[in-house]
Amino acid sequence: MSDQNDSTESKPIDYLTRSLIFSFLALVIYILSPLPVLMVVELYLPEMAGAVEEGFYAPIVYCYDNFEWVTAFYDWQFELLSW
């Protein structure tokens, strides 16, 4: 009989941990995506820009209008992309 060392076996990440990691990454991508996405939408589908901004990014627009630190972040991102 051969004894297997438990420390050398890799344990799979459980479902909850994978879900939390995926949710965190999706949130980060959502937070960082408005300006690049809106730039592309305005280039190729300018009539859809308002719908995308008012629909999909409505929570970010609300935070932008009501919180100074959110406004500062997106203004900085706006200057960085020089849009």
PDB file of N, CA and C in Angstrom:
ATOM      1  N   MET A   1       0.824  -1.174   0.000  1.00  0.00           N
ATOM      2  CA  MET A   1       0.000   0.000   0.000  1.00  0.00           C
ATOM      3  C   MET A   1       0.873   1.244   0.000  1.00  0.00           C
ATOM      4  N   SER A   2       0.450   2.183  -0.768  1.00  0.00           N
ATOM      5  CA  SER A   2       1.210   3.428  -0.783  1.00  0.00           C
ATOM      6  C   SER A   2       0.408   4.513  -0.068  1.00  0.00           C
ATOM      7  N   ASP A   3       1.089   5.211   0.759  1.00  0.00           N
ATOM      8  CA  ASP A   3       0.446   6.331   1.467  1.00  0.00           C
ATOM      9  C   ASP A   3       0.602   7.591   0.639  1.00  0.00           C
ATOM     10  N   GLN A   4      -0.506   8.280   0.470  1.00  0.00           N
ATOM     11  CA  GLN A   4      -0.442   9.546  -0.260  1.00  0.00           C
ATOM     12  C   GLN A   4      -0.392  10.676   0.748  1.00  0.00           C
ATOM     13  N   ASN A   5       0.493  11.585   0.459  1.00  0.00           N
ATOM     14  CA  ASN A   5       0.651  12.738   1.344  1.00  0.00           C
ATOM     15  C   ASN A   5      -0.437  13.757   1.014  1.00  0.00           C
ATOM     16  N   ASP A   6      -1.257  14.087   2.002  1.00  0.00           N
ATOM     17  CA  ASP A   6      -2.356  15.026   1.786  1.00  0.00           C
ATOM     18  C   ASP A   6      -1.867  16.420   1.422  1.00  0.00           C
ATOM     19  N   SER A   7      -0.695  16.790   1.854  1.00  0.00           N
ATOM     20  CA  SER A   7      -0.205  18.135   1.569  1.00  0.00           C
ATOM     21  C   SER A   7       0.181  18.310   0.106  1.00  0.00           C
ATOM     22  N   THR A   8       0.467  17.227  -0.600  1.00  0.00           N
ATOM     23  CA  THR A   8       0.834  17.352  -2.008  1.00  0.00           C
ATOM     24  C   THR A   8      -0.375  17.334  -2.932  1.00  0.00           C
ATOM     25  N   GLU A   9      -1.511  16.895  -2.432  1.00  0.00           N
ATOM     26  CA  GLU A   9      -2.709  16.878  -3.248  1.00  0.00           C
ATOM     27  C   GLU A   9      -3.308  18.272  -3.317  1.00  0.00           C
ATOM     28  N   SER A  10      -3.727  18.652  -4.501  1.00  0.00           N
ATOM     29  CA  SER A  10      -4.359  19.958  -4.631  1.00  0.00           C
ATOM     30  C   SER A  10      -5.850  19.806  -4.402  1.00  0.00           C
ATOM     31  N   LYS A  11      -6.380  20.681  -3.579  1.00  0.00           N
ATOM     32  CA  LYS A  11      -7.800  20.635  -3.280  1.00  0.00           C
ATOM     33  C   LYS A  11      -8.517  21.624  -4.193  1.00  0.00           C
ATOM     34  N   PRO A  12      -9.623  21.220  -4.783  1.00  0.00           N
ATOM     35  CA  PRO A  12     -10.344  22.151  -5.657  1.00  0.00           C
ATOM     36  C   PRO A  12     -10.963  23.285  -4.850  1.00  0.00           C
ATOM     37  N   ILE A  13     -11.021  24.449  -5.472  1.00  0.00           N
ATOM     38  CA  ILE A  13     -11.659  25.590  -4.827  1.00  0.00           C
ATOM     39  C   ILE A  13     -13.151  25.307  -4.780  1.00  0.00           C
ATOM     40  N   ASP A  14     -13.737  25.517  -3.646  1.00  0.00           N
ATOM     41  CA  ASP A  14     -15.155  25.188  -3.535  1.00  0.00           C
ATOM     42  C   ASP A  14     -16.026  26.202  -4.274  1.00  0.00           C
ATOM     43  N   TYR A  15     -17.277  25.850  -4.442  1.00  0.00           N
ATOM     44  CA  TYR A  15     -18.221  26.631  -5.243  1.00  0.00           C
ATOM     45  C   TYR A  15     -18.394  28.041  -4.702  1.00  0.00           C
ATOM     46  N   LEU A  16     -18.489  28.196  -3.401  1.00  0.00           N
ATOM     47  CA  LEU A  16     -18.684  29.520  -2.797  1.00  0.00           C
ATOM     48  C   LEU A  16     -17.503  30.433  -3.084  1.00  0.00           C
ATOM     49  N   THR A  17     -16.301  29.923  -2.947  1.00  0.00           N
ATOM     50  CA  THR A  17     -15.118  30.735  -3.205  1.00  0.00           C
ATOM     51  C   THR A  17     -15.057  31.159  -4.667  1.00  0.00           C
ATOM     52  N   ARG A  18     -15.347  30.230  -5.581  1.00  0.00           N
ATOM     53  CA  ARG A  18     -15.364  30.573  -6.998  1.00  0.00           C
ATOM     54  C   ARG A  18     -16.423  31.628  -7.299  1.00  0.00           C
ATOM     55  N   SER A  19     -17.567  31.498  -6.678  1.00  0.00           N
ATOM     56  CA  SER A  19     -18.645  32.465  -6.888  1.00  0.00           C
ATOM     57  C   SER A  19     -18.256  33.842  -6.377  1.00  0.00           C
ATOM     58  N   LEU A  20     -17.619  33.896  -5.217  1.00  0.00           N
ATOM     59  CA  LEU A  20     -17.181  35.180  -4.665  1.00  0.00           C
ATOM     60  C   LEU A  20     -16.110  35.829  -5.532  1.00  0.00           C
ATOM     61  N   ILE A  21     -15.168  35.048  -6.015  1.00  0.00           N
ATOM     62  CA  ILE A  21     -14.123  35.586  -6.887  1.00  0.00           C
ATOM     63  C   ILE A  21     -14.732  36.105  -8.182  1.00  0.00           C
ATOM     64  N   PHE A  22     -15.631  35.338  -8.781  1.00  0.00           N
ATOM     65  CA  PHE A  22     -16.284  35.757 -10.013  1.00  0.00           C
ATOM     66  C   PHE A  22     -17.090  37.035  -9.795  1.00  0.00           C
ATOM     67  N   SER A  23     -17.827  37.112  -8.701  1.00  0.00           N
ATOM     68  CA  SER A  23     -18.632  38.304  -8.397  1.00  0.00           C
ATOM     69  C   SER A  23     -17.747  39.528  -8.205  1.00  0.00           C
ATOM     70  N   PHE A  24     -16.639  39.363  -7.500  1.00  0.00           N
ATOM     71  CA  PHE A  24     -15.720  40.476  -7.282  1.00  0.00           C
ATOM     72  C   PHE A  24     -15.128  40.963  -8.605  1.00  0.00           C
ATOM     73  N   LEU A  25     -14.707  40.045  -9.451  1.00  0.00           N
ATOM     74  CA  LEU A  25     -14.139  40.428 -10.742  1.00  0.00           C
ATOM     75  C   LEU A  25     -15.180  41.090 -11.640  1.00  0.00           C
ATOM     76  N   ALA A  26     -16.399  40.585 -11.625  1.00  0.00           N
ATOM     77  CA  ALA A  26     -17.470  41.197 -12.418  1.00  0.00           C
ATOM     78  C   ALA A  26     -17.751  42.620 -11.935  1.00  0.00           C
ATOM     79  N   LEU A  27     -17.735  42.840 -10.627  1.00  0.00           N
ATOM     80  CA  LEU A  27     -17.955  44.173 -10.075  1.00  0.00           C
ATOM     81  C   LEU A  27     -16.829  45.132 -10.464  1.00  0.00           C
ATOM     82  N   VAL A  28     -15.596  44.671 -10.391  1.00  0.00           N
ATOM     83  CA  VAL A  28     -14.453  45.508 -10.773  1.00  0.00           C
ATOM     84  C   VAL A  28     -14.527  45.869 -12.258  1.00  0.00           C
ATOM     85  N   ILE A  29     -14.846  44.908 -13.098  1.00  0.00           N
ATOM     86  CA  ILE A  29     -14.957  45.183 -14.533  1.00  0.00           C
ATOM     87  C   ILE A  29     -16.087  46.162 -14.805  1.00  0.00           C
ATOM     88  N   TYR A  30     -17.205  46.006 -14.115  1.00  0.00           N
ATOM     89  CA  TYR A  30     -18.347  46.913 -14.286  1.00  0.00           C
ATOM     90  C   TYR A  30     -17.967  48.336 -13.881  1.00  0.00           C
ATOM     91  N   ILE A  31     -17.253  48.475 -12.775  1.00  0.00           N
ATOM     92  CA  ILE A  31     -16.867  49.800 -12.293  1.00  0.00           C
ATOM     93  C   ILE A  31     -15.883  50.472 -13.248  1.00  0.00           C
ATOM     94  N   LEU A  32     -14.971  49.716 -13.828  1.00  0.00           N
ATOM     95  CA  LEU A  32     -13.956  50.294 -14.702  1.00  0.00           C
ATOM     96  C   LEU A  32     -14.396  50.450 -16.156  1.00  0.00           C
ATOM     97  N   SER A  33     -15.535  49.896 -16.533  1.00  0.00           N
ATOM     98  CA  SER A  33     -15.902  49.843 -17.937  1.00  0.00           C
ATOM     99  C   SER A  33     -16.691  51.010 -18.522  1.00  0.00           C
ATOM    100  N   PRO A  34     -17.341  51.898 -17.772  1.00  0.00           N
ATOM    101  CA  PRO A  34     -18.237  52.874 -18.419  1.00  0.00           C
ATOM    102  C   PRO A  34     -17.588  53.741 -19.488  1.00  0.00           C
ATOM    103  N   LEU A  35     -16.473  54.343 -19.208  1.00  0.00           N
ATOM    104  CA  LEU A  35     -15.887  55.256 -20.197  1.00  0.00           C
ATOM    105  C   LEU A  35     -15.415  54.532 -21.456  1.00  0.00           C
ATOM    106  N   PRO A  36     -14.680  53.436 -21.350  1.00  0.00           N
ATOM    107  CA  PRO A  36     -14.303  52.747 -22.591  1.00  0.00           C
ATOM    108  C   PRO A  36     -15.507  52.235 -23.378  1.00  0.00           C
ATOM    109  N   VAL A  37     -16.500  51.693 -22.686  1.00  0.00           N
ATOM    110  CA  VAL A  37     -17.679  51.181 -23.384  1.00  0.00           C
ATOM    111  C   VAL A  37     -18.433  52.318 -24.050  1.00  0.00           C
ATOM    112  N   LEU A  38     -18.620  53.430 -23.343  1.00  0.00           N
ATOM    113  CA  LEU A  38     -19.341  54.559 -23.923  1.00  0.00           C
ATOM    114  C   LEU A  38     -18.582  55.171 -25.097  1.00  0.00           C
ATOM    115  N   MET A  39     -17.250  55.138 -25.049  1.00  0.00           N
ATOM    116  CA  MET A  39     -16.465  55.629 -26.179  1.00  0.00           C
ATOM    117  C   MET A  39     -16.746  54.791 -27.425  1.00  0.00           C
ATOM    118  N   VAL A  40     -16.762  53.480 -27.269  1.00  0.00           N
ATOM    119  CA  VAL A  40     -17.010  52.583 -28.400  1.00  0.00           C
ATOM    120  C   VAL A  40     -18.442  52.738 -28.903  1.00  0.00           C
ATOM    121  N   VAL A  41     -19.373  52.843 -27.973  1.00  0.00           N
ATOM    122  CA  VAL A  41     -20.782  52.987 -28.373  1.00  0.00           C
ATOM    123  C   VAL A  41     -20.983  54.299 -29.132  1.00  0.00           C
ATOM    124  N   GLU A  42     -20.378  55.379 -28.663  1.00  0.00           N
ATOM    125  CA  GLU A  42     -20.534  56.658 -29.355  1.00  0.00           C
ATOM    126  C   GLU A  42     -19.874  56.658 -30.732  1.00  0.00           C
ATOM    127  N   LEU A  43     -18.820  55.874 -30.900  1.00  0.00           N
ATOM    128  CA  LEU A  43     -18.174  55.786 -32.211  1.00  0.00           C
ATOM    129  C   LEU A  43     -19.019  55.014 -33.217  1.00  0.00           C
ATOM    130  N   TYR A  44     -19.578  53.894 -32.791  1.00  0.00           N
ATOM    131  CA  TYR A  44     -20.241  52.996 -33.728  1.00  0.00           C
ATOM    132  C   TYR A  44     -21.762  53.046 -33.690  1.00  0.00           C
ATOM    133  N   LEU A  45     -22.342  53.349 -32.538  1.00  0.00           N
ATOM    134  CA  LEU A  45     -23.800  53.422 -32.404  1.00  0.00           C
ATOM    135  C   LEU A  45     -24.189  54.649 -31.580  1.00  0.00           C
ATOM    136  N   PRO A  46     -23.972  55.848 -32.113  1.00  0.00           N
ATOM    137  CA  PRO A  46     -24.201  57.053 -31.303  1.00  0.00           C
ATOM    138  C   PRO A  46     -25.636  57.197 -30.803  1.00  0.00           C
ATOM    139  N   GLU A  47     -26.603  56.643 -31.514  1.00  0.00           N
ATOM    140  CA  GLU A  47     -27.988  56.755 -31.063  1.00  0.00           C
ATOM    141  C   GLU A  47     -28.267  55.888 -29.828  1.00  0.00           C
ATOM    142  N   MET A  48     -27.397  54.930 -29.545  1.00  0.00           N
ATOM    143  CA  MET A  48     -27.569  54.034 -28.389  1.00  0.00           C
ATOM    144  C   MET A  48     -26.849  54.520 -27.140  1.00  0.00           C
ATOM    145  N   ALA A  49     -26.026  55.559 -27.244  1.00  0.00           N
ATOM    146  CA  ALA A  49     -25.218  56.001 -26.110  1.00  0.00           C
ATOM    147  C   ALA A  49     -26.075  56.407 -24.917  1.00  0.00           C
ATOM    148  N   GLY A  50     -27.139  57.143 -25.174  1.00  0.00           N
ATOM    149  CA  GLY A  50     -28.010  57.562 -24.079  1.00  0.00           C
ATOM    150  C   GLY A  50     -28.688  56.391 -23.403  1.00  0.00           C
ATOM    151  N   ALA A  51     -29.124  55.420 -24.178  1.00  0.00           N
ATOM    152  CA  ALA A  51     -29.788  54.242 -23.611  1.00  0.00           C
ATOM    153  C   ALA A  51     -28.822  53.410 -22.768  1.00  0.00           C
ATOM    154  N   VAL A  52     -27.600  53.275 -23.227  1.00  0.00           N
ATOM    155  CA  VAL A  52     -26.606  52.513 -22.470  1.00  0.00           C
ATOM    156  C   VAL A  52     -26.288  53.227 -21.165  1.00  0.00           C
ATOM    157  N   GLU A  53     -26.113  54.546 -21.246  1.00  0.00           N
ATOM    158  CA  GLU A  53     -25.776  55.318 -20.049  1.00  0.00           C
ATOM    159  C   GLU A  53     -26.929  55.328 -19.050  1.00  0.00           C
ATOM    160  N   GLU A  54     -28.145  55.536 -19.520  1.00  0.00           N
ATOM    161  CA  GLU A  54     -29.300  55.622 -18.625  1.00  0.00           C
ATOM    162  C   GLU A  54     -29.790  54.253 -18.165  1.00  0.00           C
ATOM    163  N   GLY A  55     -29.475  53.221 -18.898  1.00  0.00           N
ATOM    164  CA  GLY A  55     -29.955  51.890 -18.542  1.00  0.00           C
ATOM    165  C   GLY A  55     -28.922  51.084 -17.776  1.00  0.00           C
ATOM    166  N   PHE A  56     -27.915  50.611 -18.485  1.00  0.00           N
ATOM    167  CA  PHE A  56     -26.935  49.695 -17.909  1.00  0.00           C
ATOM    168  C   PHE A  56     -26.067  50.360 -16.846  1.00  0.00           C
ATOM    169  N   TYR A  57     -25.702  51.607 -17.067  1.00  0.00           N
ATOM    170  CA  TYR A  57     -24.808  52.300 -16.133  1.00  0.00           C
ATOM    171  C   TYR A  57     -25.539  53.272 -15.210  1.00  0.00           C
ATOM    172  N   ALA A  58     -26.837  53.120 -15.042  1.00  0.00           N
ATOM    173  CA  ALA A  58     -27.615  54.023 -14.176  1.00  0.00           C
ATOM    174  C   ALA A  58     -27.094  54.074 -12.734  1.00  0.00           C
ATOM    175  N   PRO A  59     -26.713  52.958 -12.109  1.00  0.00           N
ATOM    176  CA  PRO A  59     -26.177  53.054 -10.743  1.00  0.00           C
ATOM    177  C   PRO A  59     -24.889  53.878 -10.670  1.00  0.00           C
ATOM    178  N   ILE A  60     -24.041  53.742 -11.684  1.00  0.00           N
ATOM    179  CA  ILE A  60     -22.796  54.511 -11.688  1.00  0.00           C
ATOM    180  C   ILE A  60     -23.085  55.984 -11.933  1.00  0.00           C
ATOM    181  N   VAL A  61     -24.030  56.296 -12.808  1.00  0.00           N
ATOM    182  CA  VAL A  61     -24.406  57.688 -13.066  1.00  0.00           C
ATOM    183  C   VAL A  61     -24.973  58.318 -11.791  1.00  0.00           C
ATOM    184  N   TYR A  62     -25.794  57.571 -11.077  1.00  0.00           N
ATOM    185  CA  TYR A  62     -26.342  58.072  -9.806  1.00  0.00           C
ATOM    186  C   TYR A  62     -25.216  58.374  -8.816  1.00  0.00           C
ATOM    187  N   CYS A  63     -24.287  57.439  -8.665  1.00  0.00           N
ATOM    188  CA  CYS A  63     -23.161  57.646  -7.738  1.00  0.00           C
ATOM    189  C   CYS A  63     -22.286  58.809  -8.196  1.00  0.00           C
ATOM    190  N   TYR A  64     -22.088  58.950  -9.497  1.00  0.00           N
ATOM    191  CA  TYR A  64     -21.299  60.051 -10.047  1.00  0.00           C
ATOM    192  C   TYR A  64     -21.930  61.394  -9.687  1.00  0.00           C
ATOM    193  N   ASP A  65     -23.255  61.463  -9.756  1.00  0.00           N
ATOM    194  CA  ASP A  65     -23.963  62.708  -9.464  1.00  0.00           C
ATOM    195  C   ASP A  65     -24.035  63.023  -7.973  1.00  0.00           C
ATOM    196  N   ASN A  66     -23.901  62.009  -7.107  1.00  0.00           N
ATOM    197  CA  ASN A  66     -24.150  62.214  -5.681  1.00  0.00           C
ATOM    198  C   ASN A  66     -22.947  62.046  -4.758  1.00  0.00           C
ATOM    199  N   PHE A  67     -21.867  61.489  -5.224  1.00  0.00           N
ATOM    200  CA  PHE A  67     -20.705  61.257  -4.366  1.00  0.00           C
ATOM    201  C   PHE A  67     -19.463  61.885  -4.989  1.00  0.00           C
ATOM    202  N   GLU A  68     -18.796  62.730  -4.214  1.00  0.00           N
ATOM    203  CA  GLU A  68     -17.627  63.455  -4.733  1.00  0.00           C
ATOM    204  C   GLU A  68     -16.485  62.519  -5.121  1.00  0.00           C
ATOM    205  N   TRP A  69     -16.240  61.486  -4.322  1.00  0.00           N
ATOM    206  CA  TRP A  69     -15.109  60.608  -4.613  1.00  0.00           C
ATOM    207  C   TRP A  69     -15.350  59.791  -5.883  1.00  0.00           C
ATOM    208  N   VAL A  70     -16.611  59.474  -6.178  1.00  0.00           N
ATOM    209  CA  VAL A  70     -16.923  58.781  -7.429  1.00  0.00           C
ATOM    210  C   VAL A  70     -16.730  59.734  -8.600  1.00  0.00           C
ATOM    211  N   THR A  71     -17.182  60.978  -8.418  1.00  0.00           N
ATOM    212  CA  THR A  71     -16.995  61.994  -9.450  1.00  0.00           C
ATOM    213  C   THR A  71     -15.514  62.200  -9.730  1.00  0.00           C
ATOM    214  N   ALA A  72     -14.714  62.273  -8.674  1.00  0.00           N
ATOM    215  CA  ALA A  72     -13.271  62.463  -8.846  1.00  0.00           C
ATOM    216  C   ALA A  72     -12.640  61.276  -9.576  1.00  0.00           C
ATOM    217  N   PHE A  73     -13.061  60.062  -9.250  1.00  0.00           N
ATOM    218  CA  PHE A  73     -12.509  58.867  -9.913  1.00  0.00           C
ATOM    219  C   PHE A  73     -12.804  58.871 -11.403  1.00  0.00           C
ATOM    220  N   TYR A  74     -14.059  59.122 -11.767  1.00  0.00           N
ATOM    221  CA  TYR A  74     -14.413  59.072 -13.188  1.00  0.00           C
ATOM    222  C   TYR A  74     -13.879  60.284 -13.951  1.00  0.00           C
ATOM    223  N   ASP A  75     -13.738  61.433 -13.284  1.00  0.00           N
ATOM    224  CA  ASP A  75     -13.095  62.574 -13.932  1.00  0.00           C
ATOM    225  C   ASP A  75     -11.626  62.268 -14.201  1.00  0.00           C
ATOM    226  N   TRP A  76     -10.979  61.590 -13.247  1.00  0.00           N
ATOM    227  CA  TRP A  76      -9.581  61.187 -13.435  1.00  0.00           C
ATOM    228  C   TRP A  76      -9.483  60.181 -14.592  1.00  0.00           C
ATOM    229  N   GLN A  77     -10.405  59.221 -14.621  1.00  0.00           N
ATOM    230  CA  GLN A  77     -10.398  58.232 -15.714  1.00  0.00           C
ATOM    231  C   GLN A  77     -10.668  58.931 -17.060  1.00  0.00           C
ATOM    232  N   PHE A  78     -11.547  59.912 -17.056  1.00  0.00           N
ATOM    233  CA  PHE A  78     -11.862  60.690 -18.253  1.00  0.00           C
ATOM    234  C   PHE A  78     -10.612  61.405 -18.781  1.00  0.00           C
ATOM    235  N   GLU A  79      -9.845  62.029 -17.857  1.00  0.00           N
ATOM    236  CA  GLU A  79      -8.614  62.722 -18.253  1.00  0.00           C
ATOM    237  C   GLU A  79      -7.556  61.727 -18.717  1.00  0.00           C
ATOM    238  N   LEU A  80      -7.484  60.572 -18.058  1.00  0.00           N
ATOM    239  CA  LEU A  80      -6.500  59.555 -18.419  1.00  0.00           C
ATOM    240  C   LEU A  80      -6.742  59.032 -19.842  1.00  0.00           C
ATOM    241  N   LEU A  81      -8.001  58.851 -20.186  1.00  0.00           N
ATOM    242  CA  LEU A  81      -8.332  58.395 -21.544  1.00  0.00           C
ATOM    243  C   LEU A  81      -8.398  59.541 -22.531  1.00  0.00           C
ATOM    244  N   SER A  82      -8.293  60.773 -22.017  1.00  0.00           N
ATOM    245  CA  SER A  82      -8.358  62.011 -22.827  1.00  0.00           C
ATOM    246  C   SER A  82      -9.465  61.965 -23.848  1.00  0.00           C
ATOM    247  N   TRP A  83     -10.654  61.766 -23.332  1.00  0.00           N
ATOM    248  CA  TRP A  83     -11.847  61.628 -24.155  1.00  0.00           C
ATOM    249  C   TRP A  83     -12.506  62.961 -24.321  1.00  0.00           C
TER     250      TRP A  83
END
